[in-house]
Amino acid sequence: MSLLARPLPVSRPGPGELRVGMAVFDRHYDMPAEISGFADPMVLLTRPTGLHWRVHHISVRPATQYEKRQLLALAVLHRTRLKGR
């Protein structure tokens, strides 16, 4: 495998590195989301569509640039669809 094809390593954040508003990737549900709060040891996550859920903090990692763009695109799509109603 060439160096260009190898995925970049993404580390798990330490206990104090997660913060409200941070874009993260939930490995349990395989989706990017934004942190909306904490209920130790759980992290409260939200998607731009309004979906909310809780997940254990060890299941999240910081979102990659690609995953952040996914969240932005989803937010734009959701707003566009709501305007069309």
PDB file of N, CA and C in Angstrom:
ATOM      1  N   MET A   1       0.854  -1.175   0.000  1.00  0.00           N
ATOM      2  CA  MET A   1       0.000   0.000   0.000  1.00  0.00           C
ATOM      3  C   MET A   1       0.897   1.234   0.000  1.00  0.00           C
ATOM      4  N   SER A   2       0.601   2.198  -0.848  1.00  0.00           N
ATOM      5  CA  SER A   2       1.407   3.413  -0.906  1.00  0.00           C
ATOM      6  C   SER A   2       1.066   4.311   0.277  1.00  0.00           C
ATOM      7  N   LEU A   3       1.938   5.257   0.541  1.00  0.00           N
ATOM      8  CA  LEU A   3       1.696   6.187   1.642  1.00  0.00           C
ATOM      9  C   LEU A   3       0.463   7.047   1.385  1.00  0.00           C
ATOM     10  N   LEU A   4       0.181   7.335   0.120  1.00  0.00           N
ATOM     11  CA  LEU A   4      -0.971   8.172  -0.193  1.00  0.00           C
ATOM     12  C   LEU A   4      -2.293   7.451   0.028  1.00  0.00           C
ATOM     13  N   ALA A   5      -2.306   6.148  -0.125  1.00  0.00           N
ATOM     14  CA  ALA A   5      -3.545   5.385   0.022  1.00  0.00           C
ATOM     15  C   ALA A   5      -3.855   5.035   1.471  1.00  0.00           C
ATOM     16  N   ARG A   6      -2.874   5.136   2.334  1.00  0.00           N
ATOM     17  CA  ARG A   6      -3.066   4.765   3.737  1.00  0.00           C
ATOM     18  C   ARG A   6      -3.897   5.829   4.458  1.00  0.00           C
ATOM     19  N   PRO A   7      -4.946   5.445   5.192  1.00  0.00           N
ATOM     20  CA  PRO A   7      -5.747   6.440   5.906  1.00  0.00           C
ATOM     21  C   PRO A   7      -4.940   7.089   7.019  1.00  0.00           C
ATOM     22  N   LEU A   8      -5.246   8.345   7.272  1.00  0.00           N
ATOM     23  CA  LEU A   8      -4.565   9.060   8.345  1.00  0.00           C
ATOM     24  C   LEU A   8      -5.039   8.537   9.694  1.00  0.00           C
ATOM     25  N   PRO A   9      -4.118   8.362  10.646  1.00  0.00           N
ATOM     26  CA  PRO A   9      -4.544   7.898  11.968  1.00  0.00           C
ATOM     27  C   PRO A   9      -5.340   8.989  12.676  1.00  0.00           C
ATOM     28  N   VAL A  10      -6.415   8.615  13.321  1.00  0.00           N
ATOM     29  CA  VAL A  10      -7.225   9.554  14.084  1.00  0.00           C
ATOM     30  C   VAL A  10      -7.239   9.052  15.514  1.00  0.00           C
ATOM     31  N   SER A  11      -6.708   9.860  16.411  1.00  0.00           N
ATOM     32  CA  SER A  11      -6.597   9.419  17.801  1.00  0.00           C
ATOM     33  C   SER A  11      -7.881   9.691  18.571  1.00  0.00           C
ATOM     34  N   ARG A  12      -8.047   8.949  19.633  1.00  0.00           N
ATOM     35  CA  ARG A  12      -9.190   9.145  20.521  1.00  0.00           C
ATOM     36  C   ARG A  12      -8.863  10.317  21.443  1.00  0.00           C
ATOM     37  N   PRO A  13      -9.807  11.241  21.644  1.00  0.00           N
ATOM     38  CA  PRO A  13      -9.530  12.397  22.498  1.00  0.00           C
ATOM     39  C   PRO A  13      -9.418  12.005  23.962  1.00  0.00           C
ATOM     40  N   GLY A  14      -8.622  12.754  24.694  1.00  0.00           N
ATOM     41  CA  GLY A  14      -8.501  12.549  26.128  1.00  0.00           C
ATOM     42  C   GLY A  14      -9.738  13.081  26.834  1.00  0.00           C
ATOM     43  N   PRO A  15      -9.843  12.850  28.144  1.00  0.00           N
ATOM     44  CA  PRO A  15     -11.044  13.229  28.889  1.00  0.00           C
ATOM     45  C   PRO A  15     -11.395  14.713  28.800  1.00  0.00           C
ATOM     46  N   GLY A  16     -10.410  15.591  28.790  1.00  0.00           N
ATOM     47  CA  GLY A  16     -10.695  17.022  28.766  1.00  0.00           C
ATOM     48  C   GLY A  16     -10.705  17.634  27.383  1.00  0.00           C
ATOM     49  N   GLU A  17     -10.549  16.838  26.349  1.00  0.00           N
ATOM     50  CA  GLU A  17     -10.435  17.379  24.993  1.00  0.00           C
ATOM     51  C   GLU A  17     -11.772  17.530  24.278  1.00  0.00           C
ATOM     52  N   LEU A  18     -12.816  16.914  24.768  1.00  0.00           N
ATOM     53  CA  LEU A  18     -14.135  17.047  24.150  1.00  0.00           C
ATOM     54  C   LEU A  18     -14.805  18.307  24.671  1.00  0.00           C
ATOM     55  N   ARG A  19     -15.518  19.027  23.782  1.00  0.00           N
ATOM     56  CA  ARG A  19     -16.211  20.241  24.203  1.00  0.00           C
ATOM     57  C   ARG A  19     -17.509  20.404  23.410  1.00  0.00           C
ATOM     58  N   VAL A  20     -18.448  21.114  23.979  1.00  0.00           N
ATOM     59  CA  VAL A  20     -19.732  21.372  23.324  1.00  0.00           C
ATOM     60  C   VAL A  20     -19.479  22.130  22.026  1.00  0.00           C
ATOM     61  N   GLY A  21     -20.163  21.717  20.965  1.00  0.00           N
ATOM     62  CA  GLY A  21     -20.008  22.353  19.661  1.00  0.00           C
ATOM     63  C   GLY A  21     -18.960  21.703  18.781  1.00  0.00           C
ATOM     64  N   MET A  22     -18.213  20.773  19.345  1.00  0.00           N
ATOM     65  CA  MET A  22     -17.150  20.091  18.598  1.00  0.00           C
ATOM     66  C   MET A  22     -17.746  19.054  17.655  1.00  0.00           C
ATOM     67  N   ALA A  23     -17.229  19.011  16.420  1.00  0.00           N
ATOM     68  CA  ALA A  23     -17.646  17.988  15.462  1.00  0.00           C
ATOM     69  C   ALA A  23     -16.881  16.708  15.771  1.00  0.00           C
ATOM     70  N   VAL A  24     -17.611  15.615  15.911  1.00  0.00           N
ATOM     71  CA  VAL A  24     -17.004  14.321  16.239  1.00  0.00           C
ATOM     72  C   VAL A  24     -17.590  13.244  15.335  1.00  0.00           C
ATOM     73  N   PHE A  25     -16.959  12.081  15.351  1.00  0.00           N
ATOM     74  CA  PHE A  25     -17.465  10.924  14.621  1.00  0.00           C
ATOM     75  C   PHE A  25     -17.798   9.851  15.635  1.00  0.00           C
ATOM     76  N   ASP A  26     -19.033   9.387  15.608  1.00  0.00           N
ATOM     77  CA  ASP A  26     -19.494   8.330  16.507  1.00  0.00           C
ATOM     78  C   ASP A  26     -19.222   6.988  15.831  1.00  0.00           C
ATOM     79  N   ARG A  27     -18.277   6.243  16.380  1.00  0.00           N
ATOM     80  CA  ARG A  27     -17.902   4.950  15.790  1.00  0.00           C
ATOM     81  C   ARG A  27     -18.961   3.883  16.009  1.00  0.00           C
ATOM     82  N   HIS A  28     -19.803   4.051  17.000  1.00  0.00           N
ATOM     83  CA  HIS A  28     -20.857   3.062  17.257  1.00  0.00           C
ATOM     84  C   HIS A  28     -21.942   3.129  16.174  1.00  0.00           C
ATOM     85  N   TYR A  29     -22.394   4.346  15.865  1.00  0.00           N
ATOM     86  CA  TYR A  29     -23.432   4.532  14.846  1.00  0.00           C
ATOM     87  C   TYR A  29     -22.858   4.882  13.476  1.00  0.00           C
ATOM     88  N   ASP A  30     -21.550   5.050  13.402  1.00  0.00           N
ATOM     89  CA  ASP A  30     -20.863   5.312  12.134  1.00  0.00           C
ATOM     90  C   ASP A  30     -21.374   6.597  11.473  1.00  0.00           C
ATOM     91  N   MET A  31     -21.488   7.681  12.296  1.00  0.00           N
ATOM     92  CA  MET A  31     -22.005   8.956  11.789  1.00  0.00           C
ATOM     93  C   MET A  31     -21.273  10.126  12.428  1.00  0.00           C
ATOM     94  N   PRO A  32     -21.032  11.193  11.656  1.00  0.00           N
ATOM     95  CA  PRO A  32     -20.520  12.418  12.263  1.00  0.00           C
ATOM     96  C   PRO A  32     -21.666  13.170  12.942  1.00  0.00           C
ATOM     97  N   ALA A  33     -21.334  13.913  13.975  1.00  0.00           N
ATOM     98  CA  ALA A  33     -22.330  14.686  14.716  1.00  0.00           C
ATOM     99  C   ALA A  33     -21.614  15.802  15.463  1.00  0.00           C
ATOM    100  N   GLU A  34     -22.399  16.615  16.161  1.00  0.00           N
ATOM    101  CA  GLU A  34     -21.848  17.694  16.972  1.00  0.00           C
ATOM    102  C   GLU A  34     -22.190  17.424  18.434  1.00  0.00           C
ATOM    103  N   ILE A  35     -21.250  17.701  19.321  1.00  0.00           N
ATOM    104  CA  ILE A  35     -21.497  17.507  20.755  1.00  0.00           C
ATOM    105  C   ILE A  35     -22.426  18.606  21.247  1.00  0.00           C
ATOM    106  N   SER A  36     -23.531  18.202  21.890  1.00  0.00           N
ATOM    107  CA  SER A  36     -24.473  19.178  22.434  1.00  0.00           C
ATOM    108  C   SER A  36     -24.465  19.203  23.959  1.00  0.00           C
ATOM    109  N   GLY A  37     -23.772  18.249  24.581  1.00  0.00           N
ATOM    110  CA  GLY A  37     -23.700  18.238  26.032  1.00  0.00           C
ATOM    111  C   GLY A  37     -23.037  16.979  26.556  1.00  0.00           C
ATOM    112  N   PHE A  38     -22.968  16.894  27.886  1.00  0.00           N
ATOM    113  CA  PHE A  38     -22.322  15.760  28.542  1.00  0.00           C
ATOM    114  C   PHE A  38     -23.181  15.271  29.695  1.00  0.00           C
ATOM    115  N   ALA A  39     -23.182  13.971  29.905  1.00  0.00           N
ATOM    116  CA  ALA A  39     -23.806  13.334  31.061  1.00  0.00           C
ATOM    117  C   ALA A  39     -22.895  12.160  31.391  1.00  0.00           C
ATOM    118  N   ASP A  40     -21.796  12.450  32.106  1.00  0.00           N
ATOM    119  CA  ASP A  40     -20.721  11.468  32.321  1.00  0.00           C
ATOM    120  C   ASP A  40     -21.245  10.082  32.599  1.00  0.00           C
ATOM    121  N   PRO A  41     -20.714   9.085  31.959  1.00  0.00           N
ATOM    122  CA  PRO A  41     -19.660   9.073  30.947  1.00  0.00           C
ATOM    123  C   PRO A  41     -20.189   9.217  29.522  1.00  0.00           C
ATOM    124  N   MET A  42     -21.429   9.674  29.390  1.00  0.00           N
ATOM    125  CA  MET A  42     -22.047   9.767  28.069  1.00  0.00           C
ATOM    126  C   MET A  42     -21.836  11.146  27.450  1.00  0.00           C
ATOM    127  N   VAL A  43     -21.819  11.155  26.121  1.00  0.00           N
ATOM    128  CA  VAL A  43     -21.738  12.392  25.355  1.00  0.00           C
ATOM    129  C   VAL A  43     -23.059  12.519  24.604  1.00  0.00           C
ATOM    130  N   LEU A  44     -23.658  13.700  24.641  1.00  0.00           N
ATOM    131  CA  LEU A  44     -24.915  13.948  23.936  1.00  0.00           C
ATOM    132  C   LEU A  44     -24.580  14.497  22.556  1.00  0.00           C
ATOM    133  N   LEU A  45     -25.064  13.829  21.517  1.00  0.00           N
ATOM    134  CA  LEU A  45     -24.744  14.209  20.143  1.00  0.00           C
ATOM    135  C   LEU A  45     -25.992  14.660  19.401  1.00  0.00           C
ATOM    136  N   THR A  46     -25.786  15.548  18.414  1.00  0.00           N
ATOM    137  CA  THR A  46     -26.874  16.073  17.599  1.00  0.00           C
ATOM    138  C   THR A  46     -26.436  16.138  16.147  1.00  0.00           C
ATOM    139  N   ARG A  47     -27.364  15.807  15.246  1.00  0.00           N
ATOM    140  CA  ARG A  47     -27.138  15.957  13.805  1.00  0.00           C
ATOM    141  C   ARG A  47     -27.925  17.182  13.329  1.00  0.00           C
ATOM    142  N   PRO A  48     -27.550  17.780  12.202  1.00  0.00           N
ATOM    143  CA  PRO A  48     -28.269  18.955  11.692  1.00  0.00           C
ATOM    144  C   PRO A  48     -29.754  18.698  11.419  1.00  0.00           C
ATOM    145  N   THR A  49     -30.136  17.450  11.259  1.00  0.00           N
ATOM    146  CA  THR A  49     -31.539  17.107  11.007  1.00  0.00           C
ATOM    147  C   THR A  49     -32.381  17.118  12.276  1.00  0.00           C
ATOM    148  N   GLY A  50     -31.736  17.264  13.437  1.00  0.00           N
ATOM    149  CA  GLY A  50     -32.456  17.258  14.703  1.00  0.00           C
ATOM    150  C   GLY A  50     -32.356  15.946  15.455  1.00  0.00           C
ATOM    151  N   LEU A  51     -31.720  14.956  14.866  1.00  0.00           N
ATOM    152  CA  LEU A  51     -31.533  13.672  15.540  1.00  0.00           C
ATOM    153  C   LEU A  51     -30.613  13.866  16.747  1.00  0.00           C
ATOM    154  N   HIS A  52     -31.038  13.372  17.911  1.00  0.00           N
ATOM    155  CA  HIS A  52     -30.258  13.455  19.153  1.00  0.00           C
ATOM    156  C   HIS A  52     -30.048  12.050  19.685  1.00  0.00           C
ATOM    157  N   TRP A  53     -28.875  11.786  20.250  1.00  0.00           N
ATOM    158  CA  TRP A  53     -28.632  10.501  20.903  1.00  0.00           C
ATOM    159  C   TRP A  53     -27.467  10.633  21.868  1.00  0.00           C
ATOM    160  N   ARG A  54     -27.336   9.624  22.720  1.00  0.00           N
ATOM    161  CA  ARG A  54     -26.249   9.546  23.704  1.00  0.00           C
ATOM    162  C   ARG A  54     -25.340   8.398  23.330  1.00  0.00           C
ATOM    163  N   VAL A  55     -24.062   8.581  23.578  1.00  0.00           N
ATOM    164  CA  VAL A  55     -23.091   7.531  23.306  1.00  0.00           C
ATOM    165  C   VAL A  55     -21.974   7.649  24.344  1.00  0.00           C
ATOM    166  N   HIS A  56     -21.363   6.543  24.670  1.00  0.00           N
ATOM    167  CA  HIS A  56     -20.250   6.549  25.618  1.00  0.00           C
ATOM    168  C   HIS A  56     -19.091   7.339  25.019  1.00  0.00           C
ATOM    169  N   HIS A  57     -18.400   8.098  25.853  1.00  0.00           N
ATOM    170  CA  HIS A  57     -17.356   8.998  25.350  1.00  0.00           C
ATOM    171  C   HIS A  57     -16.228   8.277  24.619  1.00  0.00           C
ATOM    172  N   ILE A  58     -15.993   6.998  24.905  1.00  0.00           N
ATOM    173  CA  ILE A  58     -14.907   6.308  24.200  1.00  0.00           C
ATOM    174  C   ILE A  58     -15.300   5.927  22.774  1.00  0.00           C
ATOM    175  N   SER A  59     -16.572   6.108  22.421  1.00  0.00           N
ATOM    176  CA  SER A  59     -17.025   5.792  21.062  1.00  0.00           C
ATOM    177  C   SER A  59     -16.868   6.958  20.095  1.00  0.00           C
ATOM    178  N   VAL A  60     -16.474   8.125  20.589  1.00  0.00           N
ATOM    179  CA  VAL A  60     -16.330   9.276  19.695  1.00  0.00           C
ATOM    180  C   VAL A  60     -14.864   9.647  19.514  1.00  0.00           C
ATOM    181  N   ARG A  61     -14.598  10.209  18.363  1.00  0.00           N
ATOM    182  CA  ARG A  61     -13.282  10.756  18.056  1.00  0.00           C
ATOM    183  C   ARG A  61     -13.505  12.061  17.305  1.00  0.00           C
ATOM    184  N   PRO A  62     -12.504  12.940  17.265  1.00  0.00           N
ATOM    185  CA  PRO A  62     -12.671  14.184  16.501  1.00  0.00           C
ATOM    186  C   PRO A  62     -12.988  13.873  15.037  1.00  0.00           C
ATOM    187  N   ALA A  63     -13.860  14.660  14.454  1.00  0.00           N
ATOM    188  CA  ALA A  63     -14.225  14.470  13.050  1.00  0.00           C
ATOM    189  C   ALA A  63     -13.069  14.901  12.152  1.00  0.00           C
ATOM    190  N   THR A  64     -12.907  14.196  11.048  1.00  0.00           N
ATOM    191  CA  THR A  64     -11.925  14.593  10.037  1.00  0.00           C
ATOM    192  C   THR A  64     -12.506  15.765   9.248  1.00  0.00           C
ATOM    193  N   GLN A  65     -11.687  16.388   8.410  1.00  0.00           N
ATOM    194  CA  GLN A  65     -12.180  17.482   7.570  1.00  0.00           C
ATOM    195  C   GLN A  65     -13.315  16.992   6.669  1.00  0.00           C
ATOM    196  N   TYR A  66     -13.169  15.801   6.142  1.00  0.00           N
ATOM    197  CA  TYR A  66     -14.207  15.215   5.283  1.00  0.00           C
ATOM    198  C   TYR A  66     -15.520  15.071   6.045  1.00  0.00           C
ATOM    199  N   GLU A  67     -15.464  14.585   7.280  1.00  0.00           N
ATOM    200  CA  GLU A  67     -16.670  14.387   8.093  1.00  0.00           C
ATOM    201  C   GLU A  67     -17.298  15.721   8.489  1.00  0.00           C
ATOM    202  N   LYS A  68     -16.476  16.737   8.708  1.00  0.00           N
ATOM    203  CA  LYS A  68     -17.006  18.079   8.993  1.00  0.00           C
ATOM    204  C   LYS A  68     -17.754  18.615   7.783  1.00  0.00           C
ATOM    205  N   ARG A  69     -17.208  18.383   6.588  1.00  0.00           N
ATOM    206  CA  ARG A  69     -17.890  18.810   5.361  1.00  0.00           C
ATOM    207  C   ARG A  69     -19.205  18.052   5.183  1.00  0.00           C
ATOM    208  N   GLN A  70     -19.231  16.781   5.581  1.00  0.00           N
ATOM    209  CA  GLN A  70     -20.476  16.002   5.526  1.00  0.00           C
ATOM    210  C   GLN A  70     -21.560  16.663   6.383  1.00  0.00           C
ATOM    211  N   LEU A  71     -21.188  17.084   7.587  1.00  0.00           N
ATOM    212  CA  LEU A  71     -22.154  17.733   8.479  1.00  0.00           C
ATOM    213  C   LEU A  71     -22.669  19.034   7.879  1.00  0.00           C
ATOM    214  N   LEU A  72     -21.764  19.832   7.305  1.00  0.00           N
ATOM    215  CA  LEU A  72     -22.177  21.090   6.684  1.00  0.00           C
ATOM    216  C   LEU A  72     -23.114  20.836   5.508  1.00  0.00           C
ATOM    217  N   ALA A  73     -22.786  19.855   4.679  1.00  0.00           N
ATOM    218  CA  ALA A  73     -23.629  19.528   3.525  1.00  0.00           C
ATOM    219  C   ALA A  73     -25.000  19.039   3.980  1.00  0.00           C
ATOM    220  N   LEU A  74     -25.036  18.258   5.036  1.00  0.00           N
ATOM    221  CA  LEU A  74     -26.304  17.766   5.567  1.00  0.00           C
ATOM    222  C   LEU A  74     -27.156  18.921   6.091  1.00  0.00           C
ATOM    223  N   ALA A  75     -26.521  19.887   6.748  1.00  0.00           N
ATOM    224  CA  ALA A  75     -27.245  21.050   7.263  1.00  0.00           C
ATOM    225  C   ALA A  75     -27.847  21.863   6.115  1.00  0.00           C
ATOM    226  N   VAL A  76     -27.079  22.066   5.046  1.00  0.00           N
ATOM    227  CA  VAL A  76     -27.577  22.809   3.881  1.00  0.00           C
ATOM    228  C   VAL A  76     -28.745  22.062   3.244  1.00  0.00           C
ATOM    229  N   LEU A  77     -28.603  20.762   3.065  1.00  0.00           N
ATOM    230  CA  LEU A  77     -29.666  19.951   2.473  1.00  0.00           C
ATOM    231  C   LEU A  77     -30.933  20.001   3.325  1.00  0.00           C
ATOM    232  N   HIS A  78     -30.771  19.897   4.624  1.00  0.00           N
ATOM    233  CA  HIS A  78     -31.926  19.909   5.527  1.00  0.00           C
ATOM    234  C   HIS A  78     -32.658  21.253   5.458  1.00  0.00           C
ATOM    235  N   ARG A  79     -31.897  22.368   5.469  1.00  0.00           N
ATOM    236  CA  ARG A  79     -32.514  23.698   5.358  1.00  0.00           C
ATOM    237  C   ARG A  79     -33.261  23.844   4.034  1.00  0.00           C
ATOM    238  N   THR A  80     -32.649  23.367   2.950  1.00  0.00           N
ATOM    239  CA  THR A  80     -33.269  23.450   1.625  1.00  0.00           C
ATOM    240  C   THR A  80     -34.572  22.668   1.583  1.00  0.00           C
ATOM    241  N   ARG A  81     -34.570  21.496   2.151  1.00  0.00           N
ATOM    242  CA  ARG A  81     -35.784  20.669   2.158  1.00  0.00           C
ATOM    243  C   ARG A  81     -36.884  21.287   3.013  1.00  0.00           C
ATOM    244  N   LEU A  82     -36.504  21.925   4.121  1.00  0.00           N
ATOM    245  CA  LEU A  82     -37.510  22.565   4.971  1.00  0.00           C
ATOM    246  C   LEU A  82     -38.141  23.759   4.264  1.00  0.00           C
ATOM    247  N   LYS A  83     -37.363  24.491   3.475  1.00  0.00           N
ATOM    248  CA  LYS A  83     -37.895  25.641   2.733  1.00  0.00           C
ATOM    249  C   LYS A  83     -38.901  25.195   1.683  1.00  0.00           C
ATOM    250  N   GLY A  84     -38.718  24.009   1.143  1.00  0.00           N
ATOM    251  CA  GLY A  84     -39.585  23.510   0.084  1.00  0.00           C
ATOM    252  C   GLY A  84     -40.947  23.041   0.555  1.00  0.00           C
ATOM    253  N   ARG A  85     -41.156  22.963   1.851  1.00  0.00           N
ATOM    254  CA  ARG A  85     -42.445  22.472   2.384  1.00  0.00           C
ATOM    255  C   ARG A  85     -43.546  23.470   2.175  1.00  0.00           C
TER     256      ARG A  85
END
